[in-house]
Amino acid sequence: GQILGGAPAIVLRTDPVRAGQINLAAQPQSQIILQVSVPASMTGPLGATLPIVFGANDAGFSAEGAIGNQTAFDPRAATVVITNARNGRGSVFLGGTAQPAFNQPPGTYTGVITLTVAYP
């Protein structure tokens, strides 16, 4: 979404419109390890960077896939979760804070977030 220069833009993991959501599937009621790799900044026009930070509660997991029913975790550290007992599905939700400078160049900024899912 749009942000203003000099004003941090906070996206909560529970925000139904702006939070990131990754749906996954595994064996029903499986214990899996989630490891999220998050960038320190996003890259924009002419190489401009936009710092982005993630805090201890900026990620969440829901075996039901429901944004309103998730357990928070720190996206900077691996966490173990259990998939849905019926269908093996689950969803990871992600928020964070963009920290634009007062003179942040306008434009589109992108960054790569990688979710690694593994069986212990």
PDB file of N, CA and C in Angstrom:
ATOM      1  N   GLY A   1       0.821  -1.184   0.000  1.00  0.00           N
ATOM      2  CA  GLY A   1       0.000   0.000   0.000  1.00  0.00           C
ATOM      3  C   GLY A   1       0.861   1.242   0.000  1.00  0.00           C
ATOM      4  N   GLN A   2       0.215   2.371   0.046  1.00  0.00           N
ATOM      5  CA  GLN A   2       0.922   3.644   0.036  1.00  0.00           C
ATOM      6  C   GLN A   2       1.388   4.006   1.439  1.00  0.00           C
ATOM      7  N   ILE A   3       2.557   4.636   1.504  1.00  0.00           N
ATOM      8  CA  ILE A   3       3.094   5.100   2.777  1.00  0.00           C
ATOM      9  C   ILE A   3       3.582   6.532   2.619  1.00  0.00           C
ATOM     10  N   LEU A   4       3.700   7.239   3.731  1.00  0.00           N
ATOM     11  CA  LEU A   4       4.163   8.621   3.722  1.00  0.00           C
ATOM     12  C   LEU A   4       5.615   8.677   4.178  1.00  0.00           C
ATOM     13  N   GLY A   5       6.409   9.529   3.532  1.00  0.00           N
ATOM     14  CA  GLY A   5       7.795   9.700   3.923  1.00  0.00           C
ATOM     15  C   GLY A   5       7.904  10.127   5.375  1.00  0.00           C
ATOM     16  N   GLY A   6       8.810   9.495   6.110  1.00  0.00           N
ATOM     17  CA  GLY A   6       9.047   9.833   7.496  1.00  0.00           C
ATOM     18  C   GLY A   6       8.071   9.243   8.494  1.00  0.00           C
ATOM     19  N   ALA A   7       7.056   8.556   8.027  1.00  0.00           N
ATOM     20  CA  ALA A   7       6.046   7.979   8.924  1.00  0.00           C
ATOM     21  C   ALA A   7       6.089   6.456   8.837  1.00  0.00           C
ATOM     22  N   PRO A   8       6.483   5.774   9.917  1.00  0.00           N
ATOM     23  CA  PRO A   8       6.491   4.307   9.881  1.00  0.00           C
ATOM     24  C   PRO A   8       5.119   3.750   9.492  1.00  0.00           C
ATOM     25  N   ALA A   9       5.133   2.750   8.654  1.00  0.00           N
ATOM     26  CA  ALA A   9       3.893   2.095   8.223  1.00  0.00           C
ATOM     27  C   ALA A   9       3.855   0.706   8.856  1.00  0.00           C
ATOM     28  N   ILE A  10       2.974   0.531   9.827  1.00  0.00           N
ATOM     29  CA  ILE A  10       2.879  -0.719  10.571  1.00  0.00           C
ATOM     30  C   ILE A  10       1.757  -1.570   9.983  1.00  0.00           C
ATOM     31  N   VAL A  11       2.092  -2.804   9.671  1.00  0.00           N
ATOM     32  CA  VAL A  11       1.088  -3.767   9.222  1.00  0.00           C
ATOM     33  C   VAL A  11       1.060  -4.894  10.251  1.00  0.00           C
ATOM     34  N   LEU A  12      -0.081  -5.076  10.883  1.00  0.00           N
ATOM     35  CA  LEU A  12      -0.237  -6.151  11.859  1.00  0.00           C
ATOM     36  C   LEU A  12      -0.479  -7.472  11.153  1.00  0.00           C
ATOM     37  N   ARG A  13      -0.012  -8.556  11.741  1.00  0.00           N
ATOM     38  CA  ARG A  13      -0.232  -9.892  11.161  1.00  0.00           C
ATOM     39  C   ARG A  13      -1.708 -10.248  11.154  1.00  0.00           C
ATOM     40  N   THR A  14      -2.511  -9.540  11.917  1.00  0.00           N
ATOM     41  CA  THR A  14      -3.955  -9.783  11.991  1.00  0.00           C
ATOM     42  C   THR A  14      -4.756  -8.870  11.067  1.00  0.00           C
ATOM     43  N   ASP A  15      -4.088  -8.071  10.269  1.00  0.00           N
ATOM     44  CA  ASP A  15      -4.774  -7.160   9.347  1.00  0.00           C
ATOM     45  C   ASP A  15      -5.290  -7.954   8.152  1.00  0.00           C
ATOM     46  N   PRO A  16      -6.619  -8.070   7.998  1.00  0.00           N
ATOM     47  CA  PRO A  16      -7.171  -8.911   6.930  1.00  0.00           C
ATOM     48  C   PRO A  16      -6.925  -8.385   5.516  1.00  0.00           C
ATOM     49  N   VAL A  17      -6.526  -7.127   5.383  1.00  0.00           N
ATOM     50  CA  VAL A  17      -6.313  -6.556   4.062  1.00  0.00           C
ATOM     51  C   VAL A  17      -4.829  -6.484   3.705  1.00  0.00           C
ATOM     52  N   ARG A  18      -3.973  -6.084   4.656  1.00  0.00           N
ATOM     53  CA  ARG A  18      -2.578  -5.796   4.321  1.00  0.00           C
ATOM     54  C   ARG A  18      -1.570  -6.855   4.766  1.00  0.00           C
ATOM     55  N   ALA A  19      -1.932  -7.739   5.676  1.00  0.00           N
ATOM     56  CA  ALA A  19      -0.983  -8.766   6.129  1.00  0.00           C
ATOM     57  C   ALA A  19      -0.689  -9.748   5.005  1.00  0.00           C
ATOM     58  N   GLY A  20       0.532 -10.253   5.002  1.00  0.00           N
ATOM     59  CA  GLY A  20       0.871 -11.309   4.054  1.00  0.00           C
ATOM     60  C   GLY A  20       0.296 -12.630   4.530  1.00  0.00           C
ATOM     61  N   GLN A  21      -0.074 -13.481   3.600  1.00  0.00           N
ATOM     62  CA  GLN A  21      -0.611 -14.800   3.944  1.00  0.00           C
ATOM     63  C   GLN A  21      -0.019 -15.844   3.004  1.00  0.00           C
ATOM     64  N   ILE A  22       0.510 -16.906   3.606  1.00  0.00           N
ATOM     65  CA  ILE A  22       1.040 -18.033   2.841  1.00  0.00           C
ATOM     66  C   ILE A  22       0.312 -19.275   3.320  1.00  0.00           C
ATOM     67  N   ASN A  23      -0.367 -19.959   2.409  1.00  0.00           N
ATOM     68  CA  ASN A  23      -1.084 -21.184   2.747  1.00  0.00           C
ATOM     69  C   ASN A  23      -0.189 -22.379   2.450  1.00  0.00           C
ATOM     70  N   LEU A  24      -0.244 -23.367   3.312  1.00  0.00           N
ATOM     71  CA  LEU A  24       0.588 -24.541   3.108  1.00  0.00           C
ATOM     72  C   LEU A  24      -0.208 -25.808   3.397  1.00  0.00           C
ATOM     73  N   ALA A  25       0.327 -26.926   2.936  1.00  0.00           N
ATOM     74  CA  ALA A  25      -0.311 -28.227   3.148  1.00  0.00           C
ATOM     75  C   ALA A  25       0.766 -29.262   3.449  1.00  0.00           C
ATOM     76  N   ALA A  26       0.449 -30.149   4.391  1.00  0.00           N
ATOM     77  CA  ALA A  26       1.339 -31.237   4.779  1.00  0.00           C
ATOM     78  C   ALA A  26       0.438 -32.404   5.182  1.00  0.00           C
ATOM     79  N   GLN A  27       1.004 -33.402   5.793  1.00  0.00           N
ATOM     80  CA  GLN A  27       0.204 -34.505   6.309  1.00  0.00           C
ATOM     81  C   GLN A  27      -0.650 -33.996   7.469  1.00  0.00           C
ATOM     82  N   PRO A  28      -1.880 -34.500   7.619  1.00  0.00           N
ATOM     83  CA  PRO A  28      -2.721 -34.062   8.737  1.00  0.00           C
ATOM     84  C   PRO A  28      -2.024 -34.245  10.091  1.00  0.00           C
ATOM     85  N   GLN A  29      -2.197 -33.244  10.917  1.00  0.00           N
ATOM     86  CA  GLN A  29      -1.670 -33.190  12.282  1.00  0.00           C
ATOM     87  C   GLN A  29      -0.164 -33.481  12.337  1.00  0.00           C
ATOM     88  N   SER A  30       0.550 -32.916  11.367  1.00  0.00           N
ATOM     89  CA  SER A  30       2.001 -33.080  11.310  1.00  0.00           C
ATOM     90  C   SER A  30       2.690 -31.965  12.074  1.00  0.00           C
ATOM     91  N   GLN A  31       3.754 -32.322  12.738  1.00  0.00           N
ATOM     92  CA  GLN A  31       4.626 -31.334  13.348  1.00  0.00           C
ATOM     93  C   GLN A  31       5.591 -30.880  12.256  1.00  0.00           C
ATOM     94  N   ILE A  32       5.636 -29.570  12.010  1.00  0.00           N
ATOM     95  CA  ILE A  32       6.531 -29.036  10.986  1.00  0.00           C
ATOM     96  C   ILE A  32       7.300 -27.850  11.557  1.00  0.00           C
ATOM     97  N   ILE A  33       8.436 -27.583  10.950  1.00  0.00           N
ATOM     98  CA  ILE A  33       9.256 -26.445  11.332  1.00  0.00           C
ATOM     99  C   ILE A  33       9.079 -25.354  10.275  1.00  0.00           C
ATOM    100  N   LEU A  34       8.775 -24.150  10.733  1.00  0.00           N
ATOM    101  CA  LEU A  34       8.658 -22.997   9.841  1.00  0.00           C
ATOM    102  C   LEU A  34       9.872 -22.107  10.047  1.00  0.00           C
ATOM    103  N   GLN A  35      10.518 -21.741   8.960  1.00  0.00           N
ATOM    104  CA  GLN A  35      11.633 -20.789   9.016  1.00  0.00           C
ATOM    105  C   GLN A  35      11.354 -19.716   7.981  1.00  0.00           C
ATOM    106  N   VAL A  36      11.166 -18.487   8.438  1.00  0.00           N
ATOM    107  CA  VAL A  36      10.882 -17.371   7.551  1.00  0.00           C
ATOM    108  C   VAL A  36      12.165 -16.556   7.388  1.00  0.00           C
ATOM    109  N   SER A  37      12.530 -16.292   6.160  1.00  0.00           N
ATOM    110  CA  SER A  37      13.675 -15.427   5.864  1.00  0.00           C
ATOM    111  C   SER A  37      13.112 -14.087   5.413  1.00  0.00           C
ATOM    112  N   VAL A  38      13.372 -13.050   6.209  1.00  0.00           N
ATOM    113  CA  VAL A  38      12.825 -11.730   5.920  1.00  0.00           C
ATOM    114  C   VAL A  38      13.944 -10.758   5.569  1.00  0.00           C
ATOM    115  N   PRO A  39      13.680  -9.829   4.660  1.00  0.00           N
ATOM    116  CA  PRO A  39      14.707  -8.860   4.270  1.00  0.00           C
ATOM    117  C   PRO A  39      14.822  -7.724   5.286  1.00  0.00           C
ATOM    118  N   ALA A  40      15.967  -7.061   5.303  1.00  0.00           N
ATOM    119  CA  ALA A  40      16.160  -5.885   6.150  1.00  0.00           C
ATOM    120  C   ALA A  40      15.640  -4.622   5.461  1.00  0.00           C
ATOM    121  N   SER A  41      15.478  -4.716   4.135  1.00  0.00           N
ATOM    122  CA  SER A  41      14.962  -3.572   3.383  1.00  0.00           C
ATOM    123  C   SER A  41      14.343  -4.056   2.082  1.00  0.00           C
ATOM    124  N   MET A  42      13.580  -3.162   1.481  1.00  0.00           N
ATOM    125  CA  MET A  42      13.025  -3.403   0.151  1.00  0.00           C
ATOM    126  C   MET A  42      13.762  -2.486  -0.820  1.00  0.00           C
ATOM    127  N   THR A  43      13.798  -2.869  -2.083  1.00  0.00           N
ATOM    128  CA  THR A  43      14.506  -2.103  -3.102  1.00  0.00           C
ATOM    129  C   THR A  43      13.501  -1.434  -4.025  1.00  0.00           C
ATOM    130  N   GLY A  44      13.782  -0.169  -4.344  1.00  0.00           N
ATOM    131  CA  GLY A  44      12.868   0.607  -5.176  1.00  0.00           C
ATOM    132  C   GLY A  44      13.558   1.245  -6.354  1.00  0.00           C
ATOM    133  N   PRO A  45      13.000   2.378  -6.803  1.00  0.00           N
ATOM    134  CA  PRO A  45      13.507   3.045  -8.002  1.00  0.00           C
ATOM    135  C   PRO A  45      14.974   3.470  -7.867  1.00  0.00           C
ATOM    136  N   LEU A  46      15.732   3.227  -8.905  1.00  0.00           N
ATOM    137  CA  LEU A  46      17.144   3.611  -8.990  1.00  0.00           C
ATOM    138  C   LEU A  46      17.960   3.103  -7.804  1.00  0.00           C
ATOM    139  N   GLY A  47      17.572   1.929  -7.269  1.00  0.00           N
ATOM    140  CA  GLY A  47      18.321   1.316  -6.182  1.00  0.00           C
ATOM    141  C   GLY A  47      18.013   1.865  -4.797  1.00  0.00           C
ATOM    142  N   ALA A  48      17.021   2.729  -4.693  1.00  0.00           N
ATOM    143  CA  ALA A  48      16.638   3.261  -3.378  1.00  0.00           C
ATOM    144  C   ALA A  48      16.211   2.101  -2.473  1.00  0.00           C
ATOM    145  N   THR A  49      16.487   2.219  -1.182  1.00  0.00           N
ATOM    146  CA  THR A  49      16.091   1.175  -0.244  1.00  0.00           C
ATOM    147  C   THR A  49      15.114   1.732   0.778  1.00  0.00           C
ATOM    148  N   LEU A  50      14.244   0.855   1.251  1.00  0.00           N
ATOM    149  CA  LEU A  50      13.240   1.193   2.254  1.00  0.00           C
ATOM    150  C   LEU A  50      13.384   0.174   3.381  1.00  0.00           C
ATOM    151  N   PRO A  51      13.908   0.605   4.541  1.00  0.00           N
ATOM    152  CA  PRO A  51      14.078  -0.335   5.651  1.00  0.00           C
ATOM    153  C   PRO A  51      12.731  -0.932   6.089  1.00  0.00           C
ATOM    154  N   ILE A  52      12.777  -2.202   6.429  1.00  0.00           N
ATOM    155  CA  ILE A  52      11.589  -2.893   6.944  1.00  0.00           C
ATOM    156  C   ILE A  52      12.052  -3.753   8.121  1.00  0.00           C
ATOM    157  N   VAL A  53      11.311  -3.685   9.210  1.00  0.00           N
ATOM    158  CA  VAL A  53      11.688  -4.437  10.404  1.00  0.00           C
ATOM    159  C   VAL A  53      10.555  -5.375  10.802  1.00  0.00           C
ATOM    160  N   PHE A  54      10.954  -6.479  11.422  1.00  0.00           N
ATOM    161  CA  PHE A  54      10.009  -7.488  11.881  1.00  0.00           C
ATOM    162  C   PHE A  54      10.266  -7.729  13.360  1.00  0.00           C
ATOM    163  N   GLY A  55       9.211  -7.718  14.143  1.00  0.00           N
ATOM    164  CA  GLY A  55       9.324  -7.918  15.575  1.00  0.00           C
ATOM    165  C   GLY A  55       8.931  -9.317  16.006  1.00  0.00           C
ATOM    166  N   ALA A  56       9.028  -9.550  17.311  1.00  0.00           N
ATOM    167  CA  ALA A  56       8.830 -10.879  17.891  1.00  0.00           C
ATOM    168  C   ALA A  56       7.435 -11.446  17.678  1.00  0.00           C
ATOM    169  N   ASN A  57       6.432 -10.622  17.412  1.00  0.00           N
ATOM    170  CA  ASN A  57       5.059 -11.110  17.210  1.00  0.00           C
ATOM    171  C   ASN A  57       4.524 -10.788  15.821  1.00  0.00           C
ATOM    172  N   ASP A  58       5.407 -10.551  14.874  1.00  0.00           N
ATOM    173  CA  ASP A  58       4.959 -10.142  13.538  1.00  0.00           C
ATOM    174  C   ASP A  58       4.572 -11.292  12.615  1.00  0.00           C
ATOM    175  N   ALA A  59       4.715 -12.528  13.060  1.00  0.00           N
ATOM    176  CA  ALA A  59       4.255 -13.672  12.266  1.00  0.00           C
ATOM    177  C   ALA A  59       3.269 -14.462  13.113  1.00  0.00           C
ATOM    178  N   GLY A  60       2.392 -15.185  12.432  1.00  0.00           N
ATOM    179  CA  GLY A  60       1.423 -16.030  13.126  1.00  0.00           C
ATOM    180  C   GLY A  60       1.121 -17.265  12.299  1.00  0.00           C
ATOM    181  N   PHE A  61       0.695 -18.317  12.980  1.00  0.00           N
ATOM    182  CA  PHE A  61       0.307 -19.554  12.306  1.00  0.00           C
ATOM    183  C   PHE A  61      -1.086 -19.934  12.750  1.00  0.00           C
ATOM    184  N   SER A  62      -1.898 -20.372  11.805  1.00  0.00           N
ATOM    185  CA  SER A  62      -3.240 -20.877  12.089  1.00  0.00           C
ATOM    186  C   SER A  62      -3.447 -22.184  11.343  1.00  0.00           C
ATOM    187  N   ALA A  63      -3.699 -23.259  12.087  1.00  0.00           N
ATOM    188  CA  ALA A  63      -3.989 -24.549  11.459  1.00  0.00           C
ATOM    189  C   ALA A  63      -5.342 -24.512  10.751  1.00  0.00           C
ATOM    190  N   GLU A  64      -6.198 -23.583  11.142  1.00  0.00           N
ATOM    191  CA  GLU A  64      -7.509 -23.435  10.498  1.00  0.00           C
ATOM    192  C   GLU A  64      -7.452 -22.501   9.300  1.00  0.00           C
ATOM    193  N   GLY A  65      -6.330 -21.822   9.123  1.00  0.00           N
ATOM    194  CA  GLY A  65      -6.210 -20.869   8.018  1.00  0.00           C
ATOM    195  C   GLY A  65      -6.967 -19.582   8.276  1.00  0.00           C
ATOM    196  N   ALA A  66      -7.313 -19.316   9.539  1.00  0.00           N
ATOM    197  CA  ALA A  66      -8.121 -18.150   9.893  1.00  0.00           C
ATOM    198  C   ALA A  66      -7.250 -17.055  10.480  1.00  0.00           C
ATOM    199  N   ILE A  67      -7.300 -15.880   9.903  1.00  0.00           N
ATOM    200  CA  ILE A  67      -6.481 -14.765  10.368  1.00  0.00           C
ATOM    201  C   ILE A  67      -6.821 -14.380  11.801  1.00  0.00           C
ATOM    202  N   GLY A  68      -8.056 -14.622  12.222  1.00  0.00           N
ATOM    203  CA  GLY A  68      -8.476 -14.288  13.579  1.00  0.00           C
ATOM    204  C   GLY A  68      -8.153 -15.357  14.606  1.00  0.00           C
ATOM    205  N   ASN A  69      -7.588 -16.468  14.162  1.00  0.00           N
ATOM    206  CA  ASN A  69      -7.286 -17.580  15.070  1.00  0.00           C
ATOM    207  C   ASN A  69      -5.866 -18.072  14.772  1.00  0.00           C
ATOM    208  N   GLN A  70      -4.893 -17.296  15.213  1.00  0.00           N
ATOM    209  CA  GLN A  70      -3.502 -17.650  14.940  1.00  0.00           C
ATOM    210  C   GLN A  70      -2.665 -17.509  16.197  1.00  0.00           C
ATOM    211  N   THR A  71      -1.565 -18.215  16.214  1.00  0.00           N
ATOM    212  CA  THR A  71      -0.600 -18.136  17.303  1.00  0.00           C
ATOM    213  C   THR A  71       0.607 -17.364  16.801  1.00  0.00           C
ATOM    214  N   ALA A  72       0.981 -16.323  17.527  1.00  0.00           N
ATOM    215  CA  ALA A  72       2.093 -15.478  17.123  1.00  0.00           C
ATOM    216  C   ALA A  72       3.425 -16.200  17.270  1.00  0.00           C
ATOM    217  N   PHE A  73       4.356 -15.838  16.392  1.00  0.00           N
ATOM    218  CA  PHE A  73       5.742 -16.284  16.536  1.00  0.00           C
ATOM    219  C   PHE A  73       6.665 -15.242  15.914  1.00  0.00           C
ATOM    220  N   ASP A  74       7.932 -15.339  16.255  1.00  0.00           N
ATOM    221  CA  ASP A  74       8.936 -14.410  15.755  1.00  0.00           C
ATOM    222  C   ASP A  74       9.395 -14.883  14.374  1.00  0.00           C
ATOM    223  N   PRO A  75       9.168 -14.084  13.324  1.00  0.00           N
ATOM    224  CA  PRO A  75       9.559 -14.547  11.985  1.00  0.00           C
ATOM    225  C   PRO A  75      11.070 -14.644  11.797  1.00  0.00           C
ATOM    226  N   ARG A  76      11.836 -14.117  12.737  1.00  0.00           N
ATOM    227  CA  ARG A  76      13.299 -14.166  12.629  1.00  0.00           C
ATOM    228  C   ARG A  76      13.881 -15.440  13.232  1.00  0.00           C
ATOM    229  N   ALA A  77      13.010 -16.283  13.798  1.00  0.00           N
ATOM    230  CA  ALA A  77      13.468 -17.527  14.432  1.00  0.00           C
ATOM    231  C   ALA A  77      12.576 -18.677  13.972  1.00  0.00           C
ATOM    232  N   ALA A  78      13.161 -19.858  13.849  1.00  0.00           N
ATOM    233  CA  ALA A  78      12.373 -21.038  13.458  1.00  0.00           C
ATOM    234  C   ALA A  78      11.358 -21.352  14.561  1.00  0.00           C
ATOM    235  N   THR A  79      10.211 -21.883  14.148  1.00  0.00           N
ATOM    236  CA  THR A  79       9.185 -22.278  15.108  1.00  0.00           C
ATOM    237  C   THR A  79       8.579 -23.598  14.662  1.00  0.00           C
ATOM    238  N   VAL A  80       8.094 -24.361  15.616  1.00  0.00           N
ATOM    239  CA  VAL A  80       7.458 -25.643  15.329  1.00  0.00           C
ATOM    240  C   VAL A  80       5.953 -25.478  15.515  1.00  0.00           C
ATOM    241  N   VAL A  81       5.188 -25.948  14.534  1.00  0.00           N
ATOM    242  CA  VAL A  81       3.727 -25.874  14.579  1.00  0.00           C
ATOM    243  C   VAL A  81       3.145 -27.239  14.211  1.00  0.00           C
ATOM    244  N   ILE A  82       1.851 -27.386  14.394  1.00  0.00           N
ATOM    245  CA  ILE A  82       1.158 -28.628  14.027  1.00  0.00           C
ATOM    246  C   ILE A  82       0.052 -28.280  13.044  1.00  0.00           C
ATOM    247  N   THR A  83       0.026 -28.989  11.916  1.00  0.00           N
ATOM    248  CA  THR A  83      -0.967 -28.726  10.877  1.00  0.00           C
ATOM    249  C   THR A  83      -2.351 -29.212  11.292  1.00  0.00           C
ATOM    250  N   ASN A  84      -3.325 -28.816  10.515  1.00  0.00           N
ATOM    251  CA  ASN A  84      -4.722 -29.175  10.772  1.00  0.00           C
ATOM    252  C   ASN A  84      -4.888 -30.695  10.830  1.00  0.00           C
ATOM    253  N   ALA A  85      -5.631 -31.165  11.817  1.00  0.00           N
ATOM    254  CA  ALA A  85      -5.810 -32.611  12.022  1.00  0.00           C
ATOM    255  C   ALA A  85      -6.640 -33.252  10.910  1.00  0.00           C
ATOM    256  N   ARG A  86      -7.515 -32.495  10.265  1.00  0.00           N
ATOM    257  CA  ARG A  86      -8.378 -33.063   9.217  1.00  0.00           C
ATOM    258  C   ARG A  86      -7.717 -33.094   7.844  1.00  0.00           C
ATOM    259  N   ASN A  87      -7.095 -31.955   7.475  1.00  0.00           N
ATOM    260  CA  ASN A  87      -6.612 -31.854   6.091  1.00  0.00           C
ATOM    261  C   ASN A  87      -5.130 -31.498   5.958  1.00  0.00           C
ATOM    262  N   GLY A  88      -4.432 -31.312   7.060  1.00  0.00           N
ATOM    263  CA  GLY A  88      -3.004 -31.019   6.999  1.00  0.00           C
ATOM    264  C   GLY A  88      -2.653 -29.611   6.561  1.00  0.00           C
ATOM    265  N   ARG A  89      -3.641 -28.771   6.471  1.00  0.00           N
ATOM    266  CA  ARG A  89      -3.386 -27.400   5.997  1.00  0.00           C
ATOM    267  C   ARG A  89      -3.054 -26.454   7.149  1.00  0.00           C
ATOM    268  N   GLY A  90      -2.602 -25.288   6.783  1.00  0.00           N
ATOM    269  CA  GLY A  90      -2.318 -24.223   7.734  1.00  0.00           C
ATOM    270  C   GLY A  90      -1.958 -22.961   6.971  1.00  0.00           C
ATOM    271  N   SER A  91      -1.940 -21.851   7.679  1.00  0.00           N
ATOM    272  CA  SER A  91      -1.582 -20.576   7.059  1.00  0.00           C
ATOM    273  C   SER A  91      -0.616 -19.830   7.952  1.00  0.00           C
ATOM    274  N   VAL A  92       0.351 -19.186   7.305  1.00  0.00           N
ATOM    275  CA  VAL A  92       1.289 -18.307   7.978  1.00  0.00           C
ATOM    276  C   VAL A  92       0.894 -16.883   7.599  1.00  0.00           C
ATOM    277  N   PHE A  93       0.801 -16.029   8.607  1.00  0.00           N
ATOM    278  CA  PHE A  93       0.457 -14.615   8.389  1.00  0.00           C
ATOM    279  C   PHE A  93       1.661 -13.771   8.796  1.00  0.00           C
ATOM    280  N   LEU A  94       1.893 -12.669   8.071  1.00  0.00           N
ATOM    281  CA  LEU A  94       3.072 -11.861   8.324  1.00  0.00           C
ATOM    282  C   LEU A  94       2.747 -10.379   8.263  1.00  0.00           C
ATOM    283  N   GLY A  95       3.205  -9.676   9.268  1.00  0.00           N
ATOM    284  CA  GLY A  95       3.140  -8.227   9.305  1.00  0.00           C
ATOM    285  C   GLY A  95       4.553  -7.694   9.417  1.00  0.00           C
ATOM    286  N   GLY A  96       4.699  -6.406   9.624  1.00  0.00           N
ATOM    287  CA  GLY A  96       6.009  -5.795   9.776  1.00  0.00           C
ATOM    288  C   GLY A  96       5.866  -4.289   9.726  1.00  0.00           C
ATOM    289  N   THR A  97       6.982  -3.600   9.807  1.00  0.00           N
ATOM    290  CA  THR A  97       6.968  -2.136   9.809  1.00  0.00           C
ATOM    291  C   THR A  97       7.949  -1.600   8.778  1.00  0.00           C
ATOM    292  N   ALA A  98       7.427  -0.839   7.818  1.00  0.00           N
ATOM    293  CA  ALA A  98       8.264  -0.130   6.855  1.00  0.00           C
ATOM    294  C   ALA A  98       8.654   1.196   7.492  1.00  0.00           C
ATOM    295  N   GLN A  99       9.919   1.586   7.329  1.00  0.00           N
ATOM    296  CA  GLN A  99      10.422   2.802   7.959  1.00  0.00           C
ATOM    297  C   GLN A  99      10.989   3.753   6.908  1.00  0.00           C
ATOM    298  N   PRO A 100      10.100   4.458   6.192  1.00  0.00           N
ATOM    299  CA  PRO A 100      10.572   5.356   5.135  1.00  0.00           C
ATOM    300  C   PRO A 100      11.254   6.603   5.703  1.00  0.00           C
ATOM    301  N   ALA A 101      12.246   7.090   4.991  1.00  0.00           N
ATOM    302  CA  ALA A 101      12.893   8.353   5.332  1.00  0.00           C
ATOM    303  C   ALA A 101      11.962   9.501   4.934  1.00  0.00           C
ATOM    304  N   PHE A 102      12.229  10.691   5.468  1.00  0.00           N
ATOM    305  CA  PHE A 102      11.415  11.846   5.102  1.00  0.00           C
ATOM    306  C   PHE A 102      11.511  12.140   3.613  1.00  0.00           C
ATOM    307  N   ASN A 103      12.666  11.878   3.030  1.00  0.00           N
ATOM    308  CA  ASN A 103      12.882  12.135   1.603  1.00  0.00           C
ATOM    309  C   ASN A 103      12.872  10.841   0.785  1.00  0.00           C
ATOM    310  N   GLN A 104      12.099   9.858   1.226  1.00  0.00           N
ATOM    311  CA  GLN A 104      12.035   8.566   0.541  1.00  0.00           C
ATOM    312  C   GLN A 104      11.567   8.751  -0.899  1.00  0.00           C
ATOM    313  N   PRO A 105      12.344   8.268  -1.878  1.00  0.00           N
ATOM    314  CA  PRO A 105      11.908   8.401  -3.266  1.00  0.00           C
ATOM    315  C   PRO A 105      10.587   7.650  -3.504  1.00  0.00           C
ATOM    316  N   PRO A 106       9.660   8.261  -4.209  1.00  0.00           N
ATOM    317  CA  PRO A 106       8.394   7.577  -4.496  1.00  0.00           C
ATOM    318  C   PRO A 106       8.610   6.440  -5.488  1.00  0.00           C
ATOM    319  N   GLY A 107       7.719   5.497  -5.460  1.00  0.00           N
ATOM    320  CA  GLY A 107       7.790   4.397  -6.413  1.00  0.00           C
ATOM    321  C   GLY A 107       7.425   3.076  -5.775  1.00  0.00           C
ATOM    322  N   THR A 108       7.606   2.033  -6.533  1.00  0.00           N
ATOM    323  CA  THR A 108       7.303   0.676  -6.083  1.00  0.00           C
ATOM    324  C   THR A 108       8.550   0.049  -5.481  1.00  0.00           C
ATOM    325  N   TYR A 109       8.384  -0.550  -4.305  1.00  0.00           N
ATOM    326  CA  TYR A 109       9.483  -1.211  -3.605  1.00  0.00           C
ATOM    327  C   TYR A 109       9.140  -2.685  -3.449  1.00  0.00           C
ATOM    328  N   THR A 110      10.143  -3.529  -3.605  1.00  0.00           N
ATOM    329  CA  THR A 110       9.924  -4.969  -3.478  1.00  0.00           C
ATOM    330  C   THR A 110      10.997  -5.600  -2.610  1.00  0.00           C
ATOM    331  N   GLY A 111      10.650  -6.746  -2.052  1.00  0.00           N
ATOM    332  CA  GLY A 111      11.584  -7.526  -1.258  1.00  0.00           C
ATOM    333  C   GLY A 111      11.167  -8.985  -1.318  1.00  0.00           C
ATOM    334  N   VAL A 112      12.087  -9.865  -1.004  1.00  0.00           N
ATOM    335  CA  VAL A 112      11.803 -11.299  -1.066  1.00  0.00           C
ATOM    336  C   VAL A 112      11.693 -11.866   0.342  1.00  0.00           C
ATOM    337  N   ILE A 113      10.610 -12.558   0.583  1.00  0.00           N
ATOM    338  CA  ILE A 113      10.389 -13.287   1.827  1.00  0.00           C
ATOM    339  C   ILE A 113      10.320 -14.757   1.457  1.00  0.00           C
ATOM    340  N   THR A 114      11.110 -15.569   2.145  1.00  0.00           N
ATOM    341  CA  THR A 114      11.146 -17.001   1.858  1.00  0.00           C
ATOM    342  C   THR A 114      10.662 -17.774   3.068  1.00  0.00           C
ATOM    343  N   LEU A 115       9.730 -18.680   2.854  1.00  0.00           N
ATOM    344  CA  LEU A 115       9.242 -19.567   3.912  1.00  0.00           C
ATOM    345  C   LEU A 115       9.746 -20.964   3.610  1.00  0.00           C
ATOM    346  N   THR A 116      10.512 -21.524   4.546  1.00  0.00           N
ATOM    347  CA  THR A 116      10.984 -22.893   4.437  1.00  0.00           C
ATOM    348  C   THR A 116      10.185 -23.735   5.417  1.00  0.00           C
ATOM    349  N   VAL A 117       9.617 -24.842   4.920  1.00  0.00           N
ATOM    350  CA  VAL A 117       8.826 -25.752   5.738  1.00  0.00           C
ATOM    351  C   VAL A 117       9.525 -27.102   5.734  1.00  0.00           C
ATOM    352  N   ALA A 118       9.759 -27.658   6.925  1.00  0.00           N
ATOM    353  CA  ALA A 118      10.461 -28.929   7.015  1.00  0.00           C
ATOM    354  C   ALA A 118       9.844 -29.792   8.110  1.00  0.00           C
ATOM    355  N   TYR A 119       9.953 -31.097   7.922  1.00  0.00           N
ATOM    356  CA  TYR A 119       9.557 -32.034   8.974  1.00  0.00           C
ATOM    357  C   TYR A 119      10.748 -32.218   9.914  1.00  0.00           C
ATOM    358  N   PRO A 120      10.528 -32.222  11.242  1.00  0.00           N
ATOM    359  CA  PRO A 120      11.662 -32.415  12.155  1.00  0.00           C
ATOM    360  C   PRO A 120      12.234 -33.827  12.070  1.00  0.00           C
TER     361      PRO A 120
END
